[in-house]
Amino acid sequence: MAEEYDLVVLGGGTGGYVAAIRAAQIGLKTAVVEKEQLGGTCLHRGCIPTKALLRSAEVFRTVKEAAKFGVSAENTKLQFKEVQERKEKIVHTLYNGVQSLMKKGKIDVFHGIGRIMGPSIFSPQSGTISVEMNGGTDNLMLVPKNVIISTGSRPKVLPGLEVDGEWIVSSNEALMLEDVPSSVIIVGGGVIGIEWASMLADFGSKVTVIEYSDRIIPTEDEDISAEMARLLTKRGVNILTGVKIQPETVEKHAGVIRVEIKTNKGTEIVEAEKMLVSVGRSANIEDIGLENTEIIVENGCIQVNDKLQTNESHIYAIGDVIGGLQLAHVASHEGILAVEHIAGDNSEPIDYTTVPKCIYSSPEAASIGLTEKEAREKGYEVKTGKFPFQAVGKALVFGEQDGFVKIVADQKTDDILGIHIIGPNATELISEAALARILDASAWEIGTMIHPHPTLAEAMGEAALLVDGKAIHM
């Protein structure tokens, strides 16, 4: 039996289901094939559950520090089972919401393993989707005019540090922990590793972060990395950078995992109850039928043009599976762009320098555009303004005055090249920066905008004024 569609989306994660909704809105007969649950990694094993845990960790830390706000909160105790139950309830609520959106849009959802077929009796071109359902007992053919591949990614594995679910875990297994481990080694000081380091430290774990690069969150501005390292160290996180793990030295016994690392000072043994490996993500391109197409894969990712088309123009790919910025909000917008291109709208391609990036640790960090180093390497004559939160009244009221807003601008044109924030509510404040980038605002325009007082956003205005040495409160 074969069903015909205008569009079949292979993978029902954030990018996939958003693409399906947009397609339904413009009248395309649409189906989604998902082998697990709608919402994908973001909803079930990524963005939402981790942020739920981070929020509980933040509340736990705040209550323990309540005395500095003049509030007595003695005998504060973490109920980790309830923390996990709250996380699951949030995920379940949002999952029901996604299912309702599929019904509202009259989008057909097939739960099974989808594979792309080559030219066959069903279609003269590749793209027919074979859906294996019910453990392989049932099979259905979907014949679409267009396909969007949105199969996402999974945690990368380091040779010699393979996940076993007991001693060594990825973020997937860490989300299901029944108890907070007394100590954790986190391999990888990127965004995910730093969020877990912050969370577990707040929950009471002794945390060691091991990063191969010479600094944590190496894709962020150097000033942001340095401040994040300083503040995490201040909270008791042990950060080791520029070091290499010797996997062959890993030992597991008596409730402890030990690993040997090489540093500039020589060899060191690090041990903990658990090891969390967080060294990036790999695109899910296996067993989806790419070999039956002319689609090009390079460095483990599907290659696309600026309209998200693969080498076969009727087959698109979006999200983590194409590499680039592996962020849920990027996948969503790529999905919308792909669908609108299918519908004949020749919209402008995504300018990835206008995409905000967020780190939901404590402190939070967020950025958009070029770092100062990247701007200089591209030949810009740079001017910067860096304004500290400690000079902002609302930050003092919050009790979180660490961090700053840094703006990188072009000396010749005054154009904003990048904005970098670390401190309270950074992941919310970055939206002003994103709008400024979209509207091509100058530092002067941000600075002369009247920011309400007292707000954390005043730091943005002051940093913009500081680019030209005109900050009022510094």
Protein backbone atom coordinates (compact mmCIF):
# COMPACT_ATOMS: atom_id res chain seq x y z
CA MET A 1 0.00 0.00 0.00
CA ALA A 2 1.34 3.47 -0.86
CA GLU A 3 0.22 6.88 0.38
CA GLU A 4 0.96 10.04 -1.63
CA TYR A 5 1.99 13.32 0.03
CA ASP A 6 3.25 16.73 -0.93
CA LEU A 7 5.85 16.46 1.85
CA VAL A 8 7.17 13.73 4.12
CA VAL A 9 9.37 14.79 7.01
CA LEU A 10 11.79 12.13 8.15
CA GLY A 11 12.28 12.79 11.86
CA GLY A 12 9.81 14.46 14.23
CA GLY A 13 12.18 16.49 16.39
CA THR A 14 11.95 20.24 16.82
CA GLY A 15 13.00 21.02 13.27
CA GLY A 16 10.87 18.27 11.78
CA TYR A 17 7.59 18.95 13.51
CA VAL A 18 7.92 22.72 13.00
CA ALA A 19 8.50 22.12 9.29
CA ALA A 20 5.42 19.89 9.18
CA ILE A 21 3.27 22.51 10.90
CA ARG A 22 4.39 25.22 8.46
CA ALA A 23 3.72 22.91 5.53
CA ALA A 24 0.21 22.18 6.79
CA GLN A 25 -0.42 25.91 7.25
CA ILE A 26 0.21 26.55 3.58
CA GLY A 27 -1.93 23.64 2.43
CA LEU A 28 0.59 20.89 1.77
CA LYS A 29 -0.52 17.33 2.48
CA THR A 30 2.10 16.37 5.04
CA ALA A 31 3.32 13.36 6.97
CA VAL A 32 5.96 12.89 9.66
CA VAL A 33 7.88 9.66 10.25
CA GLU A 34 9.34 9.32 13.75
CA LYS A 35 10.87 6.17 15.20
CA GLU A 36 10.57 7.29 18.83
CA GLN A 37 8.57 10.25 20.17
CA LEU A 38 7.61 13.54 18.57
CA GLY A 39 9.77 16.34 19.93
CA GLY A 40 13.02 14.47 19.49
CA THR A 41 16.19 15.14 21.45
CA CYS A 42 15.29 18.71 22.41
CA LEU A 43 12.07 17.77 24.16
CA HIS A 44 12.99 14.38 25.59
CA ARG A 45 16.78 14.28 26.06
CA GLY A 46 18.07 17.81 25.61
CA CYS A 47 16.81 21.39 25.87
CA ILE A 48 13.72 20.94 28.00
CA PRO A 49 14.70 18.26 30.55
CA THR A 50 18.15 19.75 31.16
CA LYS A 51 16.73 23.22 31.67
CA ALA A 52 14.15 21.83 34.07
CA LEU A 53 16.97 20.29 36.11
CA LEU A 54 19.01 23.48 35.88
CA ARG A 55 16.07 25.46 37.24
CA SER A 56 15.75 23.11 40.22
CA ALA A 57 19.49 23.41 40.81
CA GLU A 58 19.21 27.21 40.70
CA VAL A 59 16.33 27.22 43.19
CA PHE A 60 18.23 24.87 45.50
CA ARG A 61 21.29 27.13 45.46
CA THR A 62 19.17 30.26 45.96
CA VAL A 63 17.37 28.79 48.97
CA LYS A 64 20.67 27.73 50.53
CA GLU A 65 21.88 31.31 50.08
CA ALA A 66 18.62 32.85 51.29
CA ALA A 67 20.29 34.42 54.32
CA LYS A 68 21.99 37.02 52.14
CA PHE A 69 18.50 38.24 51.20
CA GLY A 70 17.45 38.42 54.82
CA VAL A 71 15.46 35.20 54.64
CA SER A 72 15.93 32.29 57.02
CA ALA A 73 15.72 28.91 55.30
CA GLU A 74 17.27 26.35 57.56
CA ASN A 75 17.58 22.62 56.92
CA THR A 76 17.25 22.99 53.18
CA LYS A 77 17.15 19.55 51.58
CA LEU A 78 17.23 18.36 48.00
CA GLN A 79 14.48 15.88 47.07
CA PHE A 80 16.00 14.57 43.84
CA LYS A 81 13.16 12.15 43.13
CA GLU A 82 10.75 15.10 43.10
CA VAL A 83 13.19 17.06 40.92
CA GLN A 84 13.08 14.27 38.35
CA GLU A 85 9.30 13.97 38.60
CA ARG A 86 8.93 17.70 37.93
CA LYS A 87 11.18 17.36 34.88
CA GLU A 88 9.13 14.45 33.52
CA LYS A 89 5.87 16.32 34.08
CA ILE A 90 7.13 19.29 32.06
CA VAL A 91 8.29 17.02 29.23
CA HIS A 92 4.97 15.15 29.22
CA THR A 93 2.97 18.39 29.10
CA LEU A 94 4.93 19.69 26.12
CA TYR A 95 4.80 16.30 24.39
CA ASN A 96 1.02 16.34 24.61
CA GLY A 97 1.12 19.82 23.14
CA VAL A 98 3.14 18.69 20.12
CA GLN A 99 0.74 15.80 19.52
CA SER A 100 -2.18 18.23 19.64
CA LEU A 101 -0.49 20.46 17.08
CA MET A 102 -0.15 17.49 14.72
CA LYS A 103 -3.86 16.77 15.04
CA LYS A 104 -4.75 20.43 14.60
CA GLY A 105 -2.74 20.59 11.39
CA LYS A 106 -4.17 17.28 10.12
CA ILE A 107 -0.61 16.00 9.82
CA ASP A 108 -0.26 12.23 9.53
CA VAL A 109 2.27 10.80 11.98
CA PHE A 110 3.79 7.37 11.36
CA HIS A 111 5.70 5.80 14.23
CA GLY A 112 8.40 3.60 12.76
CA ILE A 113 11.79 3.50 11.05
CA GLY A 114 11.79 5.46 7.82
CA ARG A 115 14.23 4.80 4.98
CA ILE A 116 14.60 6.63 1.68
CA MET A 117 14.25 4.42 -1.39
CA GLY A 118 15.78 4.91 -4.79
CA PRO A 119 13.77 5.02 -8.04
CA SER A 120 11.20 2.23 -7.97
CA ILE A 121 7.75 1.19 -9.10
CA PHE A 122 6.37 3.78 -6.68
CA SER A 123 8.26 6.76 -8.15
CA PRO A 124 10.74 7.39 -10.98
CA GLN A 125 12.88 9.46 -8.62
CA SER A 126 14.40 8.65 -5.25
CA GLY A 127 12.50 9.81 -2.18
CA THR A 128 9.80 7.24 -1.53
CA ILE A 129 9.88 6.52 2.21
CA SER A 130 9.63 2.94 3.39
CA VAL A 131 8.27 2.91 6.93
CA GLU A 132 8.95 -0.15 9.07
CA MET A 133 6.42 -0.29 11.89
CA ASN A 134 5.51 -2.53 14.82
CA GLY A 135 8.96 -4.03 15.12
CA GLY A 136 9.15 -4.88 11.43
CA THR A 137 5.87 -6.73 11.15
CA ASP A 138 4.24 -3.94 9.10
CA ASN A 139 5.57 -1.84 6.24
CA LEU A 140 4.09 1.18 4.53
CA MET A 141 5.24 3.17 1.51
CA LEU A 142 4.92 6.95 1.51
CA VAL A 143 5.35 8.61 -1.90
CA PRO A 144 6.08 12.32 -1.48
CA LYS A 145 6.79 15.07 -3.96
CA ASN A 146 9.34 16.44 -1.47
CA VAL A 147 11.24 15.11 1.53
CA ILE A 148 12.82 16.88 4.49
CA ILE A 149 15.44 14.90 6.40
CA SER A 150 15.45 15.95 10.05
CA THR A 151 16.91 12.96 11.85
CA GLY A 152 18.93 14.94 14.40
CA SER A 153 22.01 13.79 16.26
CA ARG A 154 23.26 11.74 19.21
CA PRO A 155 26.08 12.18 21.75
CA LYS A 156 29.53 11.48 20.34
CA VAL A 157 31.51 8.58 21.77
CA LEU A 158 35.21 8.71 22.58
CA PRO A 159 37.18 5.52 21.85
CA GLY A 160 38.11 3.96 25.16
CA LEU A 161 35.44 5.93 26.99
CA GLU A 162 32.37 4.17 25.64
CA VAL A 163 29.14 4.73 27.54
CA ASP A 164 28.20 1.79 29.77
CA GLY A 165 25.36 3.47 31.67
CA GLU A 166 26.92 2.72 35.05
CA TRP A 167 30.38 4.23 35.28
CA ILE A 168 30.44 6.26 32.08
CA VAL A 169 27.35 8.12 30.88
CA SER A 170 26.35 10.57 28.18
CA SER A 171 23.83 13.35 28.73
CA ASN A 172 21.09 10.85 27.80
CA GLU A 173 21.83 8.57 30.75
CA ALA A 174 22.64 11.46 33.08
CA LEU A 175 19.09 12.75 32.66
CA MET A 176 17.79 9.51 34.18
CA LEU A 177 20.00 9.42 37.29
CA GLU A 178 18.09 8.36 40.38
CA ASP A 179 20.52 10.03 42.76
CA VAL A 180 23.00 12.88 42.56
CA PRO A 181 26.49 11.38 42.35
CA SER A 182 28.92 12.50 45.05
CA SER A 183 31.53 13.28 42.41
CA VAL A 184 31.65 13.52 38.63
CA ILE A 185 34.32 13.84 35.96
CA ILE A 186 32.94 15.72 32.96
CA VAL A 187 34.93 15.09 29.78
CA GLY A 188 34.35 18.11 27.58
CA GLY A 189 34.05 21.75 28.56
CA GLY A 190 31.73 22.84 25.78
CA VAL A 191 28.20 24.15 26.24
CA ILE A 192 26.62 20.87 27.35
CA GLY A 193 29.50 19.98 29.64
CA ILE A 194 29.43 23.38 31.34
CA GLU A 195 25.67 23.26 31.87
CA TRP A 196 26.03 19.87 33.55
CA ALA A 197 28.99 21.08 35.60
CA SER A 198 26.97 24.02 36.90
CA MET A 199 23.90 21.89 37.63
CA LEU A 200 25.72 19.08 39.42
CA ALA A 201 27.81 21.51 41.46
CA ASP A 202 24.60 23.19 42.64
CA PHE A 203 23.15 19.79 43.52
CA GLY A 204 26.21 19.09 45.68
CA SER A 205 28.50 17.00 43.48
CA LYS A 206 32.25 17.48 43.45
CA VAL A 207 32.81 18.29 39.77
CA THR A 208 35.96 18.11 37.64
CA VAL A 209 35.82 19.35 34.04
CA ILE A 210 38.46 18.07 31.63
CA GLU A 211 38.77 20.03 28.39
CA TYR A 212 41.21 19.27 25.56
CA SER A 213 41.28 22.89 24.34
CA ASP A 214 43.15 25.59 26.21
CA ARG A 215 39.89 27.03 27.56
CA ILE A 216 36.33 25.98 28.31
CA ILE A 217 33.50 26.93 25.90
CA PRO A 218 36.18 27.54 23.24
CA THR A 219 33.68 28.74 20.62
CA GLU A 220 32.73 31.72 22.77
CA ASP A 221 34.58 35.02 23.19
CA GLU A 222 37.78 34.63 25.23
CA ASP A 223 36.55 37.08 27.87
CA ILE A 224 33.37 35.02 28.33
CA SER A 225 35.38 31.80 28.69
CA ALA A 226 37.68 33.36 31.27
CA GLU A 227 34.80 34.75 33.33
CA MET A 228 32.89 31.45 33.19
CA ALA A 229 35.97 29.56 34.37
CA ARG A 230 36.54 32.06 37.18
CA LEU A 231 32.98 31.89 38.47
CA LEU A 232 32.66 28.10 38.22
CA THR A 233 35.99 27.70 40.01
CA LYS A 234 34.72 30.07 42.69
CA ARG A 235 31.80 27.65 43.20
CA GLY A 236 34.14 24.70 43.63
CA VAL A 237 34.29 23.25 40.12
CA ASN A 238 37.77 21.95 39.26
CA ILE A 239 38.57 22.94 35.67
CA LEU A 240 41.47 21.33 33.80
CA THR A 241 42.14 22.70 30.31
CA GLY A 242 44.66 21.80 27.64
CA VAL A 243 44.79 18.22 28.87
CA LYS A 244 44.50 14.84 27.18
CA ILE A 245 42.83 11.79 28.67
CA GLN A 246 44.60 8.45 28.43
CA PRO A 247 41.62 6.08 27.83
CA GLU A 248 43.76 2.98 28.26
CA THR A 249 44.41 4.02 31.87
CA VAL A 250 40.73 4.07 32.86
CA GLU A 251 40.04 1.92 35.89
CA LYS A 252 36.67 1.07 37.42
CA HIS A 253 36.42 -0.56 40.83
CA ALA A 254 35.15 -0.09 44.37
CA GLY A 255 32.60 2.53 43.31
CA VAL A 256 35.22 4.77 41.71
CA ILE A 257 36.28 5.46 38.13
CA ARG A 258 39.87 6.63 37.73
CA VAL A 259 41.46 8.14 34.65
CA GLU A 260 44.97 9.31 33.88
CA ILE A 261 45.45 12.67 32.23
CA LYS A 262 48.47 14.48 30.86
CA THR A 263 48.94 18.13 31.77
CA ASN A 264 51.72 20.65 31.34
CA LYS A 265 52.79 19.70 34.84
CA GLY A 266 52.97 15.99 34.07
CA THR A 267 50.64 13.04 34.67
CA GLU A 268 47.71 13.28 37.05
CA ILE A 269 45.09 10.81 38.28
CA VAL A 270 41.49 12.04 38.52
CA GLU A 271 38.76 9.95 40.10
CA ALA A 272 35.04 10.21 40.75
CA GLU A 273 31.86 8.19 41.17
CA LYS A 274 30.71 8.85 37.61
CA MET A 275 32.14 10.09 34.32
CA LEU A 276 29.99 12.16 31.95
CA VAL A 277 31.32 12.26 28.39
CA SER A 278 30.20 15.41 26.61
CA VAL A 279 32.33 15.98 23.51
CA GLY A 280 29.78 17.03 20.93
CA ARG A 281 27.18 15.26 18.82
CA SER A 282 27.14 13.05 15.71
CA ALA A 283 24.55 13.39 12.95
CA ASN A 284 22.06 10.52 12.58
CA ILE A 285 22.69 9.59 8.96
CA GLU A 286 22.92 5.81 9.29
CA ASP A 287 20.18 3.44 8.16
CA ILE A 288 17.99 6.12 6.58
CA GLY A 289 18.64 5.14 2.96
CA LEU A 290 21.11 7.82 1.90
CA GLU A 291 22.95 5.17 -0.13
CA ASN A 292 19.89 5.00 -2.40
CA THR A 293 20.26 8.66 -3.36
CA GLU A 294 22.79 11.07 -4.83
CA ILE A 295 22.95 12.99 -1.53
CA ILE A 296 26.50 14.05 -0.60
CA VAL A 297 27.82 13.42 2.91
CA GLU A 298 30.99 15.13 4.14
CA ASN A 299 32.53 14.90 7.59
CA GLY A 300 29.55 12.91 8.77
CA CYS A 301 26.94 15.53 7.77
CA ILE A 302 24.54 15.93 4.85
CA GLN A 303 25.59 18.71 2.49
CA VAL A 304 22.95 21.28 1.50
CA ASN A 305 22.78 24.61 -0.33
CA ASP A 306 21.57 27.85 1.22
CA LYS A 307 17.96 26.78 0.62
CA LEU A 308 18.59 23.51 2.52
CA GLN A 309 18.39 21.40 -0.65
CA THR A 310 20.59 18.33 -0.94
CA ASN A 311 22.20 17.19 -4.19
CA GLU A 312 18.72 15.93 -5.07
CA SER A 313 16.72 19.15 -5.24
CA HIS A 314 13.42 17.65 -4.01
CA ILE A 315 15.10 16.30 -0.88
CA TYR A 316 15.97 18.82 1.81
CA ALA A 317 17.86 18.40 5.09
CA ILE A 318 17.75 20.54 8.24
CA GLY A 319 18.98 20.68 11.82
CA ASP A 320 21.80 18.75 13.45
CA VAL A 321 22.03 16.33 10.53
CA ILE A 322 23.61 19.08 8.37
CA GLY A 323 26.09 20.20 11.03
CA GLY A 324 26.56 23.92 11.55
CA LEU A 325 24.87 25.41 14.59
CA GLN A 326 23.27 22.41 16.29
CA LEU A 327 20.55 24.36 18.07
CA ALA A 328 16.82 23.68 18.28
CA HIS A 329 15.84 27.20 17.22
CA VAL A 330 18.13 26.94 14.19
CA ALA A 331 16.55 23.64 13.14
CA SER A 332 13.08 25.17 13.44
CA HIS A 333 13.92 28.12 11.22
CA GLU A 334 15.70 25.88 8.72
CA GLY A 335 12.54 23.78 8.58
CA ILE A 336 10.40 26.83 7.88
CA LEU A 337 12.81 28.06 5.20
CA ALA A 338 12.85 24.66 3.49
CA VAL A 339 9.05 24.41 3.45
CA GLU A 340 8.60 27.91 2.10
CA HIS A 341 11.13 27.19 -0.64
CA ILE A 342 9.16 24.05 -1.53
CA ALA A 343 6.05 26.25 -1.76
CA GLY A 344 7.81 28.60 -4.20
CA ASP A 345 8.79 31.38 -1.81
CA ASN A 346 12.37 32.33 -2.61
CA SER A 347 13.10 33.71 0.88
CA GLU A 348 16.51 34.96 1.91
CA PRO A 349 18.78 32.25 3.30
CA ILE A 350 19.54 32.21 7.02
CA ASP A 351 22.35 34.50 8.14
CA TYR A 352 23.86 32.35 10.86
CA THR A 353 25.73 35.32 12.35
CA THR A 354 22.33 36.61 13.51
CA VAL A 355 21.53 33.45 15.49
CA PRO A 356 21.74 33.85 19.28
CA LYS A 357 23.54 31.09 21.20
CA CYS A 358 22.76 30.42 24.86
CA ILE A 359 24.38 28.60 27.78
CA TYR A 360 21.96 27.96 30.65
CA SER A 361 24.54 27.45 33.37
CA SER A 362 24.99 29.63 36.42
CA PRO A 363 26.04 32.18 35.43
CA GLU A 364 24.17 32.19 32.16
CA ALA A 365 25.99 33.20 28.99
CA ALA A 366 24.75 34.15 25.54
CA SER A 367 26.21 35.53 22.35
CA ILE A 368 25.53 36.54 18.79
CA GLY A 369 27.83 37.34 15.91
CA LEU A 370 31.63 37.40 15.92
CA THR A 371 33.92 37.15 18.89
CA GLU A 372 36.55 39.86 19.23
CA LYS A 373 39.24 37.45 17.99
CA GLU A 374 37.15 36.36 14.99
CA ALA A 375 36.46 39.97 14.06
CA ARG A 376 40.15 40.84 14.12
CA GLU A 377 41.04 37.72 12.13
CA LYS A 378 38.54 38.81 9.47
CA GLY A 379 40.38 42.09 9.13
CA TYR A 380 38.02 44.39 11.01
CA GLU A 381 39.38 47.36 12.91
CA VAL A 382 37.63 46.64 16.19
CA LYS A 383 36.34 48.74 19.07
CA THR A 384 34.68 47.24 22.13
CA GLY A 385 32.61 48.19 25.14
CA LYS A 386 32.47 45.91 28.19
CA PHE A 387 30.16 46.96 30.98
CA PRO A 388 30.02 45.02 34.29
CA PHE A 389 26.76 43.97 35.96
CA GLN A 390 28.16 45.12 39.29
CA ALA A 391 27.47 48.69 38.12
CA VAL A 392 23.80 47.88 37.44
CA GLY A 393 21.34 48.41 40.27
CA LYS A 394 19.00 45.57 39.28
CA ALA A 395 21.91 43.10 39.32
CA LEU A 396 22.67 44.08 42.91
CA VAL A 397 19.00 43.65 43.77
CA PHE A 398 19.13 40.19 42.20
CA GLY A 399 22.21 39.37 44.22
CA GLU A 400 24.01 38.42 41.00
CA GLN A 401 26.45 41.15 40.10
CA ASP A 402 29.14 39.02 38.44
CA GLY A 403 29.58 39.13 34.68
CA PHE A 404 29.31 41.74 31.96
CA VAL A 405 27.97 42.71 28.55
CA LYS A 406 30.57 43.03 25.81
CA ILE A 407 29.91 44.62 22.43
CA VAL A 408 32.29 44.26 19.50
CA ALA A 409 31.87 46.89 16.79
CA ASP A 410 33.54 48.00 13.56
CA GLN A 411 35.68 51.08 14.16
CA LYS A 412 35.07 52.37 10.63
CA THR A 413 31.31 51.87 10.25
CA ASP A 414 30.08 51.53 13.85
CA ASP A 415 28.33 48.30 12.77
CA ILE A 416 27.84 45.75 15.53
CA LEU A 417 29.91 42.64 14.84
CA GLY A 418 29.11 40.68 17.99
CA ILE A 419 27.50 40.92 21.42
CA HIS A 420 28.52 38.67 24.30
CA ILE A 421 26.86 38.43 27.71
CA ILE A 422 27.66 36.53 30.88
CA GLY A 423 25.61 37.10 33.99
CA PRO A 424 22.01 37.15 35.25
CA ASN A 425 19.32 36.48 32.63
CA ALA A 426 21.88 36.53 29.80
CA THR A 427 19.76 34.10 27.77
CA GLU A 428 16.85 36.55 27.85
CA LEU A 429 18.89 39.70 27.33
CA ILE A 430 20.43 38.32 24.13
CA SER A 431 17.14 38.81 22.27
CA GLU A 432 17.70 42.57 22.24
CA ALA A 433 21.10 41.93 20.70
CA ALA A 434 19.57 39.59 18.12
CA LEU A 435 17.01 42.20 17.08
CA ALA A 436 19.77 44.80 16.84
CA ARG A 437 21.71 42.52 14.50
CA ILE A 438 18.65 41.82 12.35
CA LEU A 439 17.93 45.55 12.04
CA ASP A 440 21.62 46.34 11.49
CA ALA A 441 21.59 48.71 14.45
CA SER A 442 24.76 50.50 15.48
CA ALA A 443 26.18 50.63 18.98
CA TRP A 444 25.11 54.28 19.11
CA GLU A 445 21.48 53.32 18.36
CA ILE A 446 21.41 50.72 21.14
CA GLY A 447 23.05 53.17 23.52
CA THR A 448 20.63 56.01 22.84
CA MET A 449 17.58 53.77 23.19
CA ILE A 450 15.99 54.52 26.58
CA HIS A 451 16.31 51.38 28.69
CA PRO A 452 13.95 51.23 31.67
CA HIS A 453 15.42 51.59 35.16
CA PRO A 454 16.10 49.54 37.13
CA THR A 455 16.61 46.63 34.73
CA LEU A 456 19.39 44.27 33.81
CA ALA A 457 19.01 45.49 30.23
CA GLU A 458 20.64 48.76 31.25
CA ALA A 459 23.95 46.90 31.00
CA MET A 460 23.32 46.51 27.26
CA GLY A 461 22.76 50.23 26.80
CA GLU A 462 25.78 51.17 28.87
CA ALA A 463 28.03 48.70 27.02
CA ALA A 464 26.87 50.20 23.73
CA LEU A 465 27.69 53.72 24.94
CA LEU A 466 31.03 52.48 26.23
CA VAL A 467 32.03 51.41 22.71
CA ASP A 468 32.68 55.13 22.11
CA GLY A 469 33.65 55.92 25.69
CA LYS A 470 30.30 57.52 26.57
CA ALA A 471 28.97 55.20 29.30
CA ILE A 472 27.29 57.12 32.10
CA HIS A 473 27.89 54.78 35.03
CA MET A 474 31.50 53.87 34.36
